[in-house]
Amino acid sequence: MPINIVPEWMVNLEEEDIVFMKNFLLASGSLKEIAKQYGVTYPTVRLRLDRLIQKIHMSEDVQNDPYITLIKRLAVNEKIDFDTAKILIAEYKKVMEGGD
């Protein structure tokens, strides 16, 4: 029976994320096997998996403010570093709470 509905947490994933998940499942969750398939080190695969997990967590947190979600997505995709993301989010929250 084909699945006609894509789960909400998958909607914002990129094609390469979907392929990575498929390969991960087919390798029975072996990061060592995935590292071999992709020709990279185990830590590189671990980092990729951690970022994918973060993307899924972000998409499931529907309570998040769109701006905060954008900042987190930029950090996960390495467009900005995590320290900068934390500063931007903290300052944004201060402004939204009426603080200077």
N, C-alpha and C. Protein backbone atom coordinates (compact mmCIF):
# COMPACT_ATOMS: atom_id res chain seq x y z
N MET A 1 0.84 -1.19 0.00
CA MET A 1 0.00 0.00 0.00
C MET A 1 0.88 1.25 0.00
N PRO A 2 0.79 2.10 -1.02
CA PRO A 2 1.63 3.29 -1.08
C PRO A 2 1.22 4.34 -0.05
N ILE A 3 2.20 5.05 0.42
CA ILE A 3 1.94 6.14 1.36
C ILE A 3 1.76 7.42 0.56
N ASN A 4 0.62 8.03 0.70
CA ASN A 4 0.32 9.25 -0.06
C ASN A 4 0.57 10.52 0.74
N ILE A 5 0.78 10.38 2.02
CA ILE A 5 0.96 11.54 2.87
C ILE A 5 2.37 11.52 3.44
N VAL A 6 3.10 12.61 3.21
CA VAL A 6 4.44 12.73 3.78
C VAL A 6 4.29 13.32 5.18
N PRO A 7 4.91 12.68 6.17
CA PRO A 7 4.82 13.22 7.54
C PRO A 7 5.38 14.64 7.61
N GLU A 8 4.80 15.45 8.46
CA GLU A 8 5.19 16.85 8.59
C GLU A 8 6.70 17.01 8.84
N TRP A 9 7.27 16.10 9.63
CA TRP A 9 8.70 16.22 9.97
C TRP A 9 9.61 15.97 8.78
N MET A 10 9.07 15.39 7.71
CA MET A 10 9.88 15.12 6.52
C MET A 10 9.75 16.20 5.45
N VAL A 11 8.77 17.04 5.56
CA VAL A 11 8.46 18.01 4.51
C VAL A 11 9.64 18.93 4.20
N ASN A 12 10.34 19.40 5.23
CA ASN A 12 11.42 20.37 5.01
C ASN A 12 12.80 19.74 4.84
N LEU A 13 12.86 18.41 4.80
CA LEU A 13 14.15 17.77 4.60
C LEU A 13 14.54 17.83 3.13
N GLU A 14 15.83 17.94 2.91
CA GLU A 14 16.34 17.97 1.54
C GLU A 14 16.42 16.54 1.01
N GLU A 15 16.49 16.41 -0.30
CA GLU A 15 16.56 15.10 -0.94
C GLU A 15 17.74 14.29 -0.40
N GLU A 16 18.88 14.94 -0.21
CA GLU A 16 20.07 14.22 0.28
C GLU A 16 19.87 13.71 1.71
N ASP A 17 19.04 14.40 2.50
CA ASP A 17 18.71 13.92 3.84
C ASP A 17 17.89 12.64 3.77
N ILE A 18 16.94 12.61 2.84
CA ILE A 18 16.09 11.43 2.66
C ILE A 18 16.94 10.23 2.20
N VAL A 19 17.84 10.49 1.26
CA VAL A 19 18.72 9.43 0.77
C VAL A 19 19.61 8.92 1.89
N PHE A 20 20.13 9.83 2.70
CA PHE A 20 20.97 9.44 3.84
C PHE A 20 20.18 8.55 4.80
N MET A 21 18.95 8.95 5.10
CA MET A 21 18.11 8.14 6.01
C MET A 21 17.88 6.75 5.44
N LYS A 22 17.60 6.69 4.15
CA LYS A 22 17.37 5.39 3.50
C LYS A 22 18.62 4.51 3.60
N ASN A 23 19.77 5.09 3.27
CA ASN A 23 21.01 4.34 3.34
C ASN A 23 21.32 3.90 4.77
N PHE A 24 21.03 4.76 5.72
CA PHE A 24 21.24 4.46 7.14
C PHE A 24 20.38 3.26 7.57
N LEU A 25 19.13 3.28 7.15
CA LEU A 25 18.24 2.16 7.48
C LEU A 25 18.69 0.87 6.80
N LEU A 26 19.07 0.97 5.53
CA LEU A 26 19.52 -0.22 4.81
C LEU A 26 20.82 -0.79 5.38
N ALA A 27 21.60 0.07 6.04
CA ALA A 27 22.84 -0.38 6.69
C ALA A 27 22.57 -0.81 8.13
N SER A 28 21.30 -1.00 8.47
CA SER A 28 20.88 -1.40 9.82
C SER A 28 21.38 -0.44 10.90
N GLY A 29 21.48 0.82 10.54
CA GLY A 29 21.89 1.83 11.52
C GLY A 29 23.37 1.83 11.84
N SER A 30 24.17 1.17 11.03
CA SER A 30 25.61 1.11 11.27
C SER A 30 26.30 2.36 10.73
N LEU A 31 26.75 3.21 11.64
CA LEU A 31 27.46 4.41 11.22
C LEU A 31 28.78 4.04 10.53
N LYS A 32 29.39 2.97 10.99
CA LYS A 32 30.64 2.50 10.39
C LYS A 32 30.42 2.11 8.93
N GLU A 33 29.31 1.41 8.66
CA GLU A 33 28.99 1.00 7.29
C GLU A 33 28.68 2.23 6.42
N ILE A 34 27.94 3.18 6.97
CA ILE A 34 27.61 4.41 6.23
C ILE A 34 28.89 5.18 5.91
N ALA A 35 29.81 5.25 6.86
CA ALA A 35 31.08 5.94 6.63
C ALA A 35 31.82 5.29 5.47
N LYS A 36 31.79 3.98 5.42
CA LYS A 36 32.46 3.25 4.34
C LYS A 36 31.78 3.55 3.00
N GLN A 37 30.44 3.53 2.99
CA GLN A 37 29.69 3.80 1.74
C GLN A 37 29.96 5.20 1.20
N TYR A 38 30.02 6.18 2.09
CA TYR A 38 30.20 7.57 1.68
C TYR A 38 31.68 7.95 1.53
N GLY A 39 32.57 7.07 1.99
CA GLY A 39 33.99 7.35 1.90
C GLY A 39 34.44 8.47 2.82
N VAL A 40 33.82 8.53 4.00
CA VAL A 40 34.17 9.56 4.99
C VAL A 40 34.45 8.88 6.33
N THR A 41 34.84 9.68 7.31
CA THR A 41 35.15 9.13 8.63
C THR A 41 33.88 8.94 9.46
N TYR A 42 33.99 8.10 10.46
CA TYR A 42 32.87 7.87 11.39
C TYR A 42 32.39 9.19 12.02
N PRO A 43 33.31 10.06 12.53
CA PRO A 43 32.85 11.32 13.12
C PRO A 43 32.07 12.20 12.14
N THR A 44 32.44 12.15 10.86
CA THR A 44 31.72 12.92 9.84
C THR A 44 30.29 12.41 9.71
N VAL A 45 30.12 11.10 9.70
CA VAL A 45 28.78 10.51 9.61
C VAL A 45 27.98 10.83 10.86
N ARG A 46 28.62 10.76 12.02
CA ARG A 46 27.94 11.06 13.29
C ARG A 46 27.43 12.50 13.28
N LEU A 47 28.26 13.42 12.80
CA LEU A 47 27.88 14.83 12.72
C LEU A 47 26.70 15.01 11.77
N ARG A 48 26.74 14.34 10.63
CA ARG A 48 25.64 14.41 9.66
C ARG A 48 24.34 13.91 10.28
N LEU A 49 24.43 12.79 11.00
CA LEU A 49 23.25 12.23 11.65
C LEU A 49 22.73 13.18 12.72
N ASP A 50 23.62 13.77 13.50
CA ASP A 50 23.21 14.72 14.54
C ASP A 50 22.49 15.92 13.94
N ARG A 51 22.99 16.41 12.82
CA ARG A 51 22.34 17.55 12.15
C ARG A 51 20.97 17.17 11.61
N LEU A 52 20.86 15.97 11.09
CA LEU A 52 19.57 15.48 10.60
C LEU A 52 18.58 15.37 11.75
N ILE A 53 19.03 14.87 12.87
CA ILE A 53 18.17 14.77 14.06
C ILE A 53 17.72 16.16 14.49
N GLN A 54 18.62 17.13 14.47
CA GLN A 54 18.26 18.51 14.83
C GLN A 54 17.21 19.07 13.88
N LYS A 55 17.36 18.80 12.59
CA LYS A 55 16.37 19.27 11.61
C LYS A 55 14.99 18.68 11.92
N ILE A 56 14.96 17.42 12.27
CA ILE A 56 13.68 16.77 12.58
C ILE A 56 13.08 17.36 13.84
N HIS A 57 13.90 17.57 14.86
CA HIS A 57 13.41 18.18 16.10
C HIS A 57 12.82 19.57 15.81
N MET A 58 13.51 20.34 14.99
CA MET A 58 13.02 21.69 14.68
C MET A 58 11.67 21.64 13.98
N SER A 59 11.51 20.72 13.06
CA SER A 59 10.26 20.66 12.30
C SER A 59 9.11 20.16 13.17
N GLU A 60 9.42 19.41 14.21
CA GLU A 60 8.37 18.92 15.10
C GLU A 60 7.95 19.95 16.13
N ASP A 61 8.78 20.94 16.35
CA ASP A 61 8.47 21.96 17.35
C ASP A 61 7.62 23.06 16.71
N VAL A 62 6.35 22.77 16.51
CA VAL A 62 5.46 23.70 15.82
C VAL A 62 5.17 24.95 16.63
N GLN A 63 5.52 24.94 17.91
CA GLN A 63 5.31 26.10 18.76
C GLN A 63 6.35 27.19 18.50
N ASN A 64 7.43 26.81 17.84
CA ASN A 64 8.54 27.75 17.63
C ASN A 64 8.13 28.94 16.78
N ASP A 65 8.69 30.06 17.13
CA ASP A 65 8.55 31.28 16.37
C ASP A 65 9.26 31.08 15.02
N PRO A 66 8.68 31.55 13.92
CA PRO A 66 9.30 31.37 12.60
C PRO A 66 10.72 31.94 12.52
N TYR A 67 10.98 33.06 13.18
CA TYR A 67 12.31 33.66 13.16
C TYR A 67 13.31 32.74 13.86
N ILE A 68 12.93 32.22 15.02
CA ILE A 68 13.81 31.32 15.77
C ILE A 68 14.06 30.04 14.97
N THR A 69 13.03 29.53 14.34
CA THR A 69 13.18 28.34 13.51
C THR A 69 14.16 28.61 12.37
N LEU A 70 14.06 29.79 11.75
CA LEU A 70 14.98 30.17 10.67
C LEU A 70 16.41 30.21 11.18
N ILE A 71 16.65 30.83 12.31
CA ILE A 71 17.99 30.94 12.87
C ILE A 71 18.55 29.55 13.17
N LYS A 72 17.73 28.69 13.75
CA LYS A 72 18.18 27.32 14.04
C LYS A 72 18.50 26.56 12.76
N ARG A 73 17.67 26.73 11.74
CA ARG A 73 17.90 26.06 10.47
C ARG A 73 19.21 26.53 9.83
N LEU A 74 19.47 27.84 9.90
CA LEU A 74 20.73 28.38 9.37
C LEU A 74 21.93 27.79 10.10
N ALA A 75 21.80 27.61 11.41
CA ALA A 75 22.91 27.03 12.19
C ALA A 75 23.11 25.56 11.84
N VAL A 76 22.03 24.82 11.75
CA VAL A 76 22.12 23.40 11.42
C VAL A 76 22.73 23.20 10.04
N ASN A 77 22.40 24.09 9.11
CA ASN A 77 22.91 23.99 7.74
C ASN A 77 24.25 24.70 7.57
N GLU A 78 24.87 25.08 8.69
CA GLU A 78 26.19 25.72 8.72
C GLU A 78 26.26 27.04 7.95
N LYS A 79 25.15 27.76 7.86
CA LYS A 79 25.17 29.08 7.25
C LYS A 79 25.63 30.12 8.27
N ILE A 80 25.36 29.85 9.55
CA ILE A 80 25.90 30.64 10.65
C ILE A 80 26.34 29.66 11.73
N ASP A 81 27.25 30.10 12.62
CA ASP A 81 27.73 29.19 13.66
C ASP A 81 26.73 29.17 14.84
N PHE A 82 26.84 28.14 15.67
CA PHE A 82 25.88 27.95 16.76
C PHE A 82 25.96 29.07 17.79
N ASP A 83 27.16 29.60 18.06
CA ASP A 83 27.28 30.70 19.03
C ASP A 83 26.53 31.94 18.54
N THR A 84 26.67 32.24 17.25
CA THR A 84 25.95 33.39 16.68
C THR A 84 24.44 33.14 16.74
N ALA A 85 24.01 31.93 16.46
CA ALA A 85 22.59 31.59 16.52
C ALA A 85 22.05 31.81 17.93
N LYS A 86 22.80 31.37 18.93
CA LYS A 86 22.36 31.54 20.33
C LYS A 86 22.22 33.02 20.68
N ILE A 87 23.18 33.84 20.23
CA ILE A 87 23.12 35.28 20.51
C ILE A 87 21.91 35.90 19.83
N LEU A 88 21.70 35.58 18.55
CA LEU A 88 20.56 36.14 17.82
C LEU A 88 19.23 35.77 18.47
N ILE A 89 19.10 34.51 18.88
CA ILE A 89 17.86 34.05 19.52
C ILE A 89 17.67 34.72 20.86
N ALA A 90 18.73 34.82 21.66
CA ALA A 90 18.62 35.45 22.98
C ALA A 90 18.22 36.92 22.85
N GLU A 91 18.85 37.63 21.91
CA GLU A 91 18.53 39.04 21.72
C GLU A 91 17.10 39.22 21.20
N TYR A 92 16.70 38.36 20.30
CA TYR A 92 15.33 38.40 19.77
C TYR A 92 14.31 38.18 20.88
N LYS A 93 14.58 37.21 21.75
CA LYS A 93 13.66 36.94 22.85
C LYS A 93 13.57 38.13 23.80
N LYS A 94 14.71 38.81 24.04
CA LYS A 94 14.68 40.00 24.90
C LYS A 94 13.79 41.08 24.30
N VAL A 95 13.94 41.30 23.00
CA VAL A 95 13.13 42.31 22.31
C VAL A 95 11.64 41.94 22.37
N MET A 96 11.36 40.67 22.13
CA MET A 96 9.96 40.22 22.11
C MET A 96 9.32 40.28 23.50
N GLU A 97 10.15 40.17 24.54
CA GLU A 97 9.64 40.25 25.91
C GLU A 97 9.57 41.70 26.40
N GLY A 98 10.01 42.64 25.54
CA GLY A 98 9.94 44.05 25.91
C GLY A 98 11.18 44.58 26.59
N GLY A 99 12.22 43.76 26.67
CA GLY A 99 13.48 44.21 27.29
C GLY A 99 14.33 44.93 26.27
N ASP A 100 15.32 45.67 26.77
CA ASP A 100 16.23 46.40 25.87
C ASP A 100 17.38 45.55 25.48
